[in-house]
Amino acid sequence: MNAMIADMPSQSSRVDPERQQHIIDAALRVIASRGVAGTSHRVVAAEAHVPLGSMTYYFDGMRDLLHQAFDQFARASVLKFAARMQSASTVDEACDAIALSIERDMLGNQRDLNINLEFYTLAARDLSFRDISDRWMSATQKVMGRFFDSETTVLLDAMIEGLTLHRALGGEPRNPQSIRDGIRRIIDHRR
């Protein structure tokens, strides 16, 4: 009997160590395609190709899953932005990096636009998600703070977020030069 038990795989060896991450990634795909309202444990489990029971094993309810998914999305967005800004060494280069971030990272694909819009809507209605938006805005402004004063970083951040919302809601795509002109107007006005 003991030999039979010893030959059985342990519970931890049968569990995919990356399963929680697969579920979060699947949740972001579902949010992008169905919105928060269409996101359920069953739909996410099917998208992640995991048993439904995995949802409650790794997450303390849907709110926890959404919080972790949006937090991961926000952190990835900050890292992308910081990487673009890292190469800048002058104010002009920083302006170009911000413009590229808006054009390619924020407005570059419908998936990210949808996730952004879903997050804004959720955070506007549910204060328990505001910690993510606070960290996201603070980190973005801190990265820009290397080149600009705090009031300018707030205005630039508002422009970035505003263009994102405008585009997500179906606004006309901005041409790259108009984005650069808008950034320069904020910078020049603040000098």
C-alpha atoms as a PDB file:
ATOM      1  CA  MET A   1       0.000   0.000   0.000  1.00  0.00           C
ATOM      2  CA  ASN A   2       2.772   2.503   0.927  1.00  0.00           C
ATOM      3  CA  ALA A   3       4.612   1.702  -2.327  1.00  0.00           C
ATOM      4  CA  MET A   4       1.414   2.417  -4.252  1.00  0.00           C
ATOM      5  CA  ILE A   5       1.014   5.813  -2.575  1.00  0.00           C
ATOM      6  CA  ALA A   6       4.689   6.647  -3.179  1.00  0.00           C
ATOM      7  CA  ASP A   7       4.263   5.991  -6.911  1.00  0.00           C
ATOM      8  CA  MET A   8       1.297   8.359  -7.229  1.00  0.00           C
ATOM      9  CA  PRO A   9       2.085  11.864  -8.457  1.00  0.00           C
ATOM     10  CA  SER A  10       1.813  14.468  -5.770  1.00  0.00           C
ATOM     11  CA  GLN A  11      -0.825  17.180  -5.990  1.00  0.00           C
ATOM     12  CA  SER A  12       1.828  19.851  -6.587  1.00  0.00           C
ATOM     13  CA  SER A  13       3.432  17.951  -9.473  1.00  0.00           C
ATOM     14  CA  ARG A  14       0.094  17.765 -11.310  1.00  0.00           C
ATOM     15  CA  VAL A  15      -0.581  21.497 -11.023  1.00  0.00           C
ATOM     16  CA  ASP A  16       0.849  23.709 -13.720  1.00  0.00           C
ATOM     17  CA  PRO A  17       3.084  26.230 -11.914  1.00  0.00           C
ATOM     18  CA  GLU A  18       2.179  28.823 -14.566  1.00  0.00           C
ATOM     19  CA  ARG A  19      -1.570  28.198 -14.356  1.00  0.00           C
ATOM     20  CA  GLN A  20      -2.364  31.380 -12.431  1.00  0.00           C
ATOM     21  CA  GLN A  21      -0.556  33.438 -15.074  1.00  0.00           C
ATOM     22  CA  HIS A  22      -2.362  31.583 -17.882  1.00  0.00           C
ATOM     23  CA  ILE A  23      -5.664  32.443 -16.224  1.00  0.00           C
ATOM     24  CA  ILE A  24      -4.746  36.136 -15.881  1.00  0.00           C
ATOM     25  CA  ASP A  25      -3.679  36.257 -19.542  1.00  0.00           C
ATOM     26  CA  ALA A  26      -6.937  34.572 -20.535  1.00  0.00           C
ATOM     27  CA  ALA A  27      -8.911  37.036 -18.417  1.00  0.00           C
ATOM     28  CA  LEU A  28      -7.306  39.951 -20.288  1.00  0.00           C
ATOM     29  CA  ARG A  29      -8.207  38.346 -23.633  1.00  0.00           C
ATOM     30  CA  VAL A  30     -11.795  37.868 -22.484  1.00  0.00           C
ATOM     31  CA  ILE A  31     -12.014  41.433 -21.149  1.00  0.00           C
ATOM     32  CA  ALA A  32     -10.709  42.743 -24.487  1.00  0.00           C
ATOM     33  CA  SER A  33     -13.274  40.776 -26.482  1.00  0.00           C
ATOM     34  CA  ARG A  34     -16.328  40.634 -24.173  1.00  0.00           C
ATOM     35  CA  GLY A  35     -15.805  43.423 -21.664  1.00  0.00           C
ATOM     36  CA  VAL A  36     -15.920  43.112 -17.894  1.00  0.00           C
ATOM     37  CA  ALA A  37     -19.656  42.414 -18.041  1.00  0.00           C
ATOM     38  CA  GLY A  38     -19.037  39.366 -20.245  1.00  0.00           C
ATOM     39  CA  THR A  39     -16.200  38.042 -18.103  1.00  0.00           C
ATOM     40  CA  SER A  40     -17.078  35.128 -15.846  1.00  0.00           C
ATOM     41  CA  HIS A  41     -15.182  32.313 -14.177  1.00  0.00           C
ATOM     42  CA  ARG A  42     -16.603  29.846 -16.688  1.00  0.00           C
ATOM     43  CA  VAL A  43     -15.644  31.934 -19.744  1.00  0.00           C
ATOM     44  CA  VAL A  44     -12.127  32.646 -18.451  1.00  0.00           C
ATOM     45  CA  ALA A  45     -11.556  28.996 -17.491  1.00  0.00           C
ATOM     46  CA  ALA A  46     -12.595  27.912 -20.979  1.00  0.00           C
ATOM     47  CA  GLU A  47     -10.304  30.525 -22.565  1.00  0.00           C
ATOM     48  CA  ALA A  48      -7.404  29.419 -20.343  1.00  0.00           C
ATOM     49  CA  HIS A  49      -8.150  25.719 -20.951  1.00  0.00           C
ATOM     50  CA  VAL A  50      -8.206  24.998 -17.224  1.00  0.00           C
ATOM     51  CA  PRO A  51     -10.770  23.299 -14.990  1.00  0.00           C
ATOM     52  CA  LEU A  52     -13.380  25.652 -13.571  1.00  0.00           C
ATOM     53  CA  GLY A  53     -12.165  24.775 -10.059  1.00  0.00           C
ATOM     54  CA  SER A  54      -8.840  26.456 -10.835  1.00  0.00           C
ATOM     55  CA  MET A  55     -10.589  29.800 -10.717  1.00  0.00           C
ATOM     56  CA  THR A  56     -11.419  29.566  -7.032  1.00  0.00           C
ATOM     57  CA  TYR A  57      -8.121  27.871  -6.228  1.00  0.00           C
ATOM     58  CA  TYR A  58      -6.039  30.805  -7.484  1.00  0.00           C
ATOM     59  CA  PHE A  59      -8.429  33.741  -7.016  1.00  0.00           C
ATOM     60  CA  ASP A  60     -10.663  34.913  -4.218  1.00  0.00           C
ATOM     61  CA  GLY A  61     -13.597  35.603  -6.520  1.00  0.00           C
ATOM     62  CA  MET A  62     -14.074  37.509  -9.754  1.00  0.00           C
ATOM     63  CA  ARG A  63     -13.075  40.848  -8.226  1.00  0.00           C
ATOM     64  CA  ASP A  64      -9.668  39.401  -7.269  1.00  0.00           C
ATOM     65  CA  LEU A  65      -9.143  38.002 -10.768  1.00  0.00           C
ATOM     66  CA  LEU A  66     -10.092  41.341 -12.367  1.00  0.00           C
ATOM     67  CA  HIS A  67      -7.871  43.234  -9.950  1.00  0.00           C
ATOM     68  CA  GLN A  68      -4.872  41.039 -10.715  1.00  0.00           C
ATOM     69  CA  ALA A  69      -5.508  41.175 -14.469  1.00  0.00           C
ATOM     70  CA  PHE A  70      -5.850  44.963 -14.584  1.00  0.00           C
ATOM     71  CA  ASP A  71      -2.882  45.389 -12.261  1.00  0.00           C
ATOM     72  CA  GLN A  72      -0.749  43.267 -14.592  1.00  0.00           C
ATOM     73  CA  PHE A  73      -1.950  45.285 -17.597  1.00  0.00           C
ATOM     74  CA  ALA A  74      -1.138  48.585 -15.853  1.00  0.00           C
ATOM     75  CA  ARG A  75       2.321  47.405 -14.806  1.00  0.00           C
ATOM     76  CA  ALA A  76       3.109  46.254 -18.346  1.00  0.00           C
ATOM     77  CA  SER A  77       1.941  49.606 -19.711  1.00  0.00           C
ATOM     78  CA  VAL A  78       4.196  51.489 -17.287  1.00  0.00           C
ATOM     79  CA  LEU A  79       7.166  49.294 -18.219  1.00  0.00           C
ATOM     80  CA  LYS A  80       6.606  49.948 -21.939  1.00  0.00           C
ATOM     81  CA  PHE A  81       6.373  53.676 -21.305  1.00  0.00           C
ATOM     82  CA  ALA A  82       9.475  53.695 -19.094  1.00  0.00           C
ATOM     83  CA  ALA A  83      11.427  51.770 -21.734  1.00  0.00           C
ATOM     84  CA  ARG A  84      10.532  54.362 -24.372  1.00  0.00           C
ATOM     85  CA  MET A  85      11.448  57.227 -22.044  1.00  0.00           C
ATOM     86  CA  GLN A  86      14.708  55.575 -20.969  1.00  0.00           C
ATOM     87  CA  SER A  87      16.328  56.331 -24.310  1.00  0.00           C
ATOM     88  CA  ALA A  88      15.557  60.058 -24.056  1.00  0.00           C
ATOM     89  CA  SER A  89      18.247  62.390 -22.803  1.00  0.00           C
ATOM     90  CA  THR A  90      16.765  65.784 -23.768  1.00  0.00           C
ATOM     91  CA  VAL A  91      13.337  67.410 -23.511  1.00  0.00           C
ATOM     92  CA  ASP A  92      12.882  67.086 -27.284  1.00  0.00           C
ATOM     93  CA  GLU A  93      13.726  63.381 -27.150  1.00  0.00           C
ATOM     94  CA  ALA A  94      11.316  62.974 -24.231  1.00  0.00           C
ATOM     95  CA  CYS A  95       8.568  64.638 -26.285  1.00  0.00           C
ATOM     96  CA  ASP A  96       9.278  62.228 -29.150  1.00  0.00           C
ATOM     97  CA  ALA A  97       9.222  59.256 -26.771  1.00  0.00           C
ATOM     98  CA  ILE A  98       5.860  60.352 -25.355  1.00  0.00           C
ATOM     99  CA  ALA A  99       4.470  60.770 -28.874  1.00  0.00           C
ATOM    100  CA  LEU A 100       5.704  57.307 -29.886  1.00  0.00           C
ATOM    101  CA  SER A 101       4.194  55.828 -26.754  1.00  0.00           C
ATOM    102  CA  ILE A 102       0.825  57.373 -27.573  1.00  0.00           C
ATOM    103  CA  GLU A 103       0.942  56.378 -31.247  1.00  0.00           C
ATOM    104  CA  ARG A 104       2.286  52.854 -30.931  1.00  0.00           C
ATOM    105  CA  ASP A 105       1.624  51.650 -27.397  1.00  0.00           C
ATOM    106  CA  MET A 106      -1.564  53.392 -26.307  1.00  0.00           C
ATOM    107  CA  LEU A 107      -3.339  53.730 -29.653  1.00  0.00           C
ATOM    108  CA  GLY A 108      -1.579  50.948 -31.520  1.00  0.00           C
ATOM    109  CA  ASN A 109      -4.044  48.092 -31.113  1.00  0.00           C
ATOM    110  CA  GLN A 110      -7.724  47.591 -30.387  1.00  0.00           C
ATOM    111  CA  ARG A 111      -7.097  44.957 -27.698  1.00  0.00           C
ATOM    112  CA  ASP A 112      -5.237  47.369 -25.435  1.00  0.00           C
ATOM    113  CA  LEU A 113      -7.701  50.164 -26.156  1.00  0.00           C
ATOM    114  CA  ASN A 114     -10.574  47.894 -25.109  1.00  0.00           C
ATOM    115  CA  ILE A 115      -8.825  46.792 -21.926  1.00  0.00           C
ATOM    116  CA  ASN A 116      -8.029  50.413 -21.080  1.00  0.00           C
ATOM    117  CA  LEU A 117     -11.624  51.501 -21.571  1.00  0.00           C
ATOM    118  CA  GLU A 118     -12.943  48.591 -19.513  1.00  0.00           C
ATOM    119  CA  PHE A 119     -10.516  49.486 -16.738  1.00  0.00           C
ATOM    120  CA  TYR A 120     -11.513  53.164 -16.754  1.00  0.00           C
ATOM    121  CA  THR A 121     -15.171  52.205 -16.527  1.00  0.00           C
ATOM    122  CA  LEU A 122     -14.606  49.722 -13.717  1.00  0.00           C
ATOM    123  CA  ALA A 123     -12.357  52.048 -11.705  1.00  0.00           C
ATOM    124  CA  ALA A 124     -14.884  54.872 -12.083  1.00  0.00           C
ATOM    125  CA  ARG A 125     -17.594  52.686 -10.557  1.00  0.00           C
ATOM    126  CA  ASP A 126     -15.627  50.611  -8.053  1.00  0.00           C
ATOM    127  CA  LEU A 127     -13.199  52.411  -5.759  1.00  0.00           C
ATOM    128  CA  SER A 128     -11.412  49.156  -4.935  1.00  0.00           C
ATOM    129  CA  PHE A 129      -9.696  49.414  -8.334  1.00  0.00           C
ATOM    130  CA  ARG A 130      -8.450  52.962  -7.801  1.00  0.00           C
ATOM    131  CA  ASP A 131      -5.200  51.740  -6.252  1.00  0.00           C
ATOM    132  CA  ILE A 132      -4.241  50.492  -9.714  1.00  0.00           C
ATOM    133  CA  SER A 133      -5.037  53.772 -11.437  1.00  0.00           C
ATOM    134  CA  ASP A 134      -3.252  55.731  -8.705  1.00  0.00           C
ATOM    135  CA  ARG A 135      -0.093  53.625  -9.076  1.00  0.00           C
ATOM    136  CA  TRP A 136      -0.314  53.767 -12.863  1.00  0.00           C
ATOM    137  CA  MET A 137      -0.645  57.557 -13.016  1.00  0.00           C
ATOM    138  CA  SER A 138       1.983  58.075 -10.352  1.00  0.00           C
ATOM    139  CA  ALA A 139       4.501  55.824 -12.107  1.00  0.00           C
ATOM    140  CA  THR A 140       3.890  57.416 -15.508  1.00  0.00           C
ATOM    141  CA  GLN A 141       4.253  60.901 -14.070  1.00  0.00           C
ATOM    142  CA  LYS A 142       7.396  59.896 -12.192  1.00  0.00           C
ATOM    143  CA  VAL A 143       8.976  58.671 -15.443  1.00  0.00           C
ATOM    144  CA  MET A 144       8.128  61.990 -17.133  1.00  0.00           C
ATOM    145  CA  GLY A 145       9.341  63.876 -14.059  1.00  0.00           C
ATOM    146  CA  ARG A 146      12.892  63.353 -15.215  1.00  0.00           C
ATOM    147  CA  PHE A 147      12.233  66.041 -17.845  1.00  0.00           C
ATOM    148  CA  PHE A 148       9.229  68.065 -16.699  1.00  0.00           C
ATOM    149  CA  ASP A 149       7.839  69.715 -13.562  1.00  0.00           C
ATOM    150  CA  SER A 150       4.938  68.043 -11.739  1.00  0.00           C
ATOM    151  CA  GLU A 151       2.192  70.221 -13.235  1.00  0.00           C
ATOM    152  CA  THR A 152       3.450  69.539 -16.758  1.00  0.00           C
ATOM    153  CA  THR A 153       3.583  65.792 -16.111  1.00  0.00           C
ATOM    154  CA  VAL A 154      -0.045  65.867 -14.926  1.00  0.00           C
ATOM    155  CA  LEU A 155      -1.098  67.717 -18.099  1.00  0.00           C
ATOM    156  CA  LEU A 156       0.878  65.364 -20.338  1.00  0.00           C
ATOM    157  CA  ASP A 157      -0.582  62.346 -18.552  1.00  0.00           C
ATOM    158  CA  ALA A 158      -4.084  63.793 -18.997  1.00  0.00           C
ATOM    159  CA  MET A 159      -3.393  64.256 -22.707  1.00  0.00           C
ATOM    160  CA  ILE A 160      -2.207  60.648 -23.015  1.00  0.00           C
ATOM    161  CA  GLU A 161      -5.266  59.331 -21.181  1.00  0.00           C
ATOM    162  CA  GLY A 162      -7.627  61.648 -23.051  1.00  0.00           C
ATOM    163  CA  LEU A 163      -6.338  60.566 -26.451  1.00  0.00           C
ATOM    164  CA  THR A 164      -6.647  56.945 -25.360  1.00  0.00           C
ATOM    165  CA  LEU A 165     -10.267  57.421 -24.325  1.00  0.00           C
ATOM    166  CA  HIS A 166     -11.052  59.422 -27.437  1.00  0.00           C
ATOM    167  CA  ARG A 167      -9.668  56.701 -29.686  1.00  0.00           C
ATOM    168  CA  ALA A 168     -11.267  53.859 -27.710  1.00  0.00           C
ATOM    169  CA  LEU A 169     -14.643  55.543 -28.097  1.00  0.00           C
ATOM    170  CA  GLY A 170     -14.268  55.700 -31.856  1.00  0.00           C
ATOM    171  CA  GLY A 171     -12.611  59.048 -32.376  1.00  0.00           C
ATOM    172  CA  GLU A 172     -10.591  59.666 -35.488  1.00  0.00           C
ATOM    173  CA  PRO A 173      -7.008  58.438 -35.321  1.00  0.00           C
ATOM    174  CA  ARG A 174      -4.664  61.346 -34.679  1.00  0.00           C
ATOM    175  CA  ASN A 175      -1.910  61.945 -37.109  1.00  0.00           C
ATOM    176  CA  PRO A 176       1.522  61.738 -35.489  1.00  0.00           C
ATOM    177  CA  GLN A 177       2.278  65.396 -36.087  1.00  0.00           C
ATOM    178  CA  SER A 178      -0.865  66.589 -34.285  1.00  0.00           C
ATOM    179  CA  ILE A 179       0.119  64.490 -31.264  1.00  0.00           C
ATOM    180  CA  ARG A 180       3.598  66.045 -31.271  1.00  0.00           C
ATOM    181  CA  ASP A 181       2.079  69.529 -31.668  1.00  0.00           C
ATOM    182  CA  GLY A 182      -0.176  68.901 -28.663  1.00  0.00           C
ATOM    183  CA  ILE A 183       2.757  67.785 -26.530  1.00  0.00           C
ATOM    184  CA  ARG A 184       4.762  70.868 -27.570  1.00  0.00           C
ATOM    185  CA  ARG A 185       1.849  73.167 -26.725  1.00  0.00           C
ATOM    186  CA  ILE A 186       1.725  71.780 -23.209  1.00  0.00           C
ATOM    187  CA  ILE A 187       5.521  71.999 -22.826  1.00  0.00           C
ATOM    188  CA  ASP A 188       5.839  75.484 -24.300  1.00  0.00           C
ATOM    189  CA  HIS A 189       2.882  76.825 -22.317  1.00  0.00           C
ATOM    190  CA  ARG A 190       4.393  75.587 -19.061  1.00  0.00           C
ATOM    191  CA  ARG A 191       7.788  77.274 -19.623  1.00  0.00           C
END
